[in-house]
Amino acid sequence: MTVDAEPLGTAYEPGDVVDFLSRAGIDPDAVWFDDPTALEWRGGGPDVWAL
């Protein structure tokens, strides 16, 4: 996951995205996982998680 061009790591589950957003100072409750203006998904989407 990248926030403002800073790589934070790979999200393997929704909780990882929430953690990364929080660490970046972004309120995860203000971000909808299915909002394409907020999140750009690569290799899946909000309902697809690779193990």
C-alpha atoms as a PDB file:
ATOM      1  CA  MET A   1       0.000   0.000   0.000  1.00  0.00           C
ATOM      2  CA  THR A   2       1.231   3.490  -0.850  1.00  0.00           C
ATOM      3  CA  VAL A   3       0.014   6.732   0.688  1.00  0.00           C
ATOM      4  CA  ASP A   4       1.139  10.013  -0.872  1.00  0.00           C
ATOM      5  CA  ALA A   5       3.883   8.156  -2.810  1.00  0.00           C
ATOM      6  CA  GLU A   6       5.271   6.602   0.391  1.00  0.00           C
ATOM      7  CA  PRO A   7       5.250   2.793   0.348  1.00  0.00           C
ATOM      8  CA  LEU A   8       3.833   1.395   3.588  1.00  0.00           C
ATOM      9  CA  GLY A   9       3.663  -2.323   2.854  1.00  0.00           C
ATOM     10  CA  THR A  10       1.395  -4.984   1.433  1.00  0.00           C
ATOM     11  CA  ALA A  11      -2.158  -5.350   2.691  1.00  0.00           C
ATOM     12  CA  TYR A  12      -3.189  -8.992   3.040  1.00  0.00           C
ATOM     13  CA  GLU A  13      -6.549  -8.313   4.670  1.00  0.00           C
ATOM     14  CA  PRO A  14      -8.877  -5.351   5.300  1.00  0.00           C
ATOM     15  CA  GLY A  15      -7.366  -4.807   8.752  1.00  0.00           C
ATOM     16  CA  ASP A  16      -3.998  -4.102   7.139  1.00  0.00           C
ATOM     17  CA  VAL A  17      -5.536  -1.298   5.068  1.00  0.00           C
ATOM     18  CA  VAL A  18      -7.097   0.193   8.198  1.00  0.00           C
ATOM     19  CA  ASP A  19      -3.753  -0.024  10.018  1.00  0.00           C
ATOM     20  CA  PHE A  20      -1.831   1.607   7.165  1.00  0.00           C
ATOM     21  CA  LEU A  21      -4.361   4.429   6.882  1.00  0.00           C
ATOM     22  CA  SER A  22      -4.191   5.050  10.625  1.00  0.00           C
ATOM     23  CA  ARG A  23      -0.392   5.121  10.615  1.00  0.00           C
ATOM     24  CA  ALA A  24      -0.508   7.605   7.734  1.00  0.00           C
ATOM     25  CA  GLY A  25      -2.728   9.904   9.809  1.00  0.00           C
ATOM     26  CA  ILE A  26      -5.867   9.183   7.794  1.00  0.00           C
ATOM     27  CA  ASP A  27      -9.115   8.357   9.594  1.00  0.00           C
ATOM     28  CA  PRO A  28      -9.997   4.899   8.229  1.00  0.00           C
ATOM     29  CA  ASP A  29     -13.661   5.496   9.051  1.00  0.00           C
ATOM     30  CA  ALA A  30     -13.648   8.336   6.503  1.00  0.00           C
ATOM     31  CA  VAL A  31     -12.482   6.058   3.650  1.00  0.00           C
ATOM     32  CA  TRP A  32     -14.842   3.717   1.820  1.00  0.00           C
ATOM     33  CA  PHE A  33     -13.023   0.677   0.424  1.00  0.00           C
ATOM     34  CA  ASP A  34     -15.201   0.747  -2.711  1.00  0.00           C
ATOM     35  CA  ASP A  35     -14.583   4.460  -3.456  1.00  0.00           C
ATOM     36  CA  PRO A  36     -12.300   4.606  -6.525  1.00  0.00           C
ATOM     37  CA  THR A  37     -11.412   8.231  -5.750  1.00  0.00           C
ATOM     38  CA  ALA A  38      -9.995   7.193  -2.360  1.00  0.00           C
ATOM     39  CA  LEU A  39      -8.329   3.848  -3.094  1.00  0.00           C
ATOM     40  CA  GLU A  40      -6.772   2.382  -6.216  1.00  0.00           C
ATOM     41  CA  TRP A  41      -6.739  -1.401  -6.058  1.00  0.00           C
ATOM     42  CA  ARG A  42      -4.090  -3.488  -7.792  1.00  0.00           C
ATOM     43  CA  GLY A  43      -4.341  -7.231  -8.135  1.00  0.00           C
ATOM     44  CA  GLY A  44      -7.875  -7.397  -6.835  1.00  0.00           C
ATOM     45  CA  GLY A  45     -10.321  -5.142  -5.103  1.00  0.00           C
ATOM     46  CA  PRO A  46     -12.010  -4.583  -1.775  1.00  0.00           C
ATOM     47  CA  ASP A  47     -13.543  -8.078  -1.895  1.00  0.00           C
ATOM     48  CA  VAL A  48     -10.463  -9.928  -3.238  1.00  0.00           C
ATOM     49  CA  TRP A  49      -7.601 -10.873  -0.909  1.00  0.00           C
ATOM     50  CA  ALA A  50      -4.719 -13.133  -1.889  1.00  0.00           C
ATOM     51  CA  LEU A  51      -3.167 -15.315   0.770  1.00  0.00           C
END
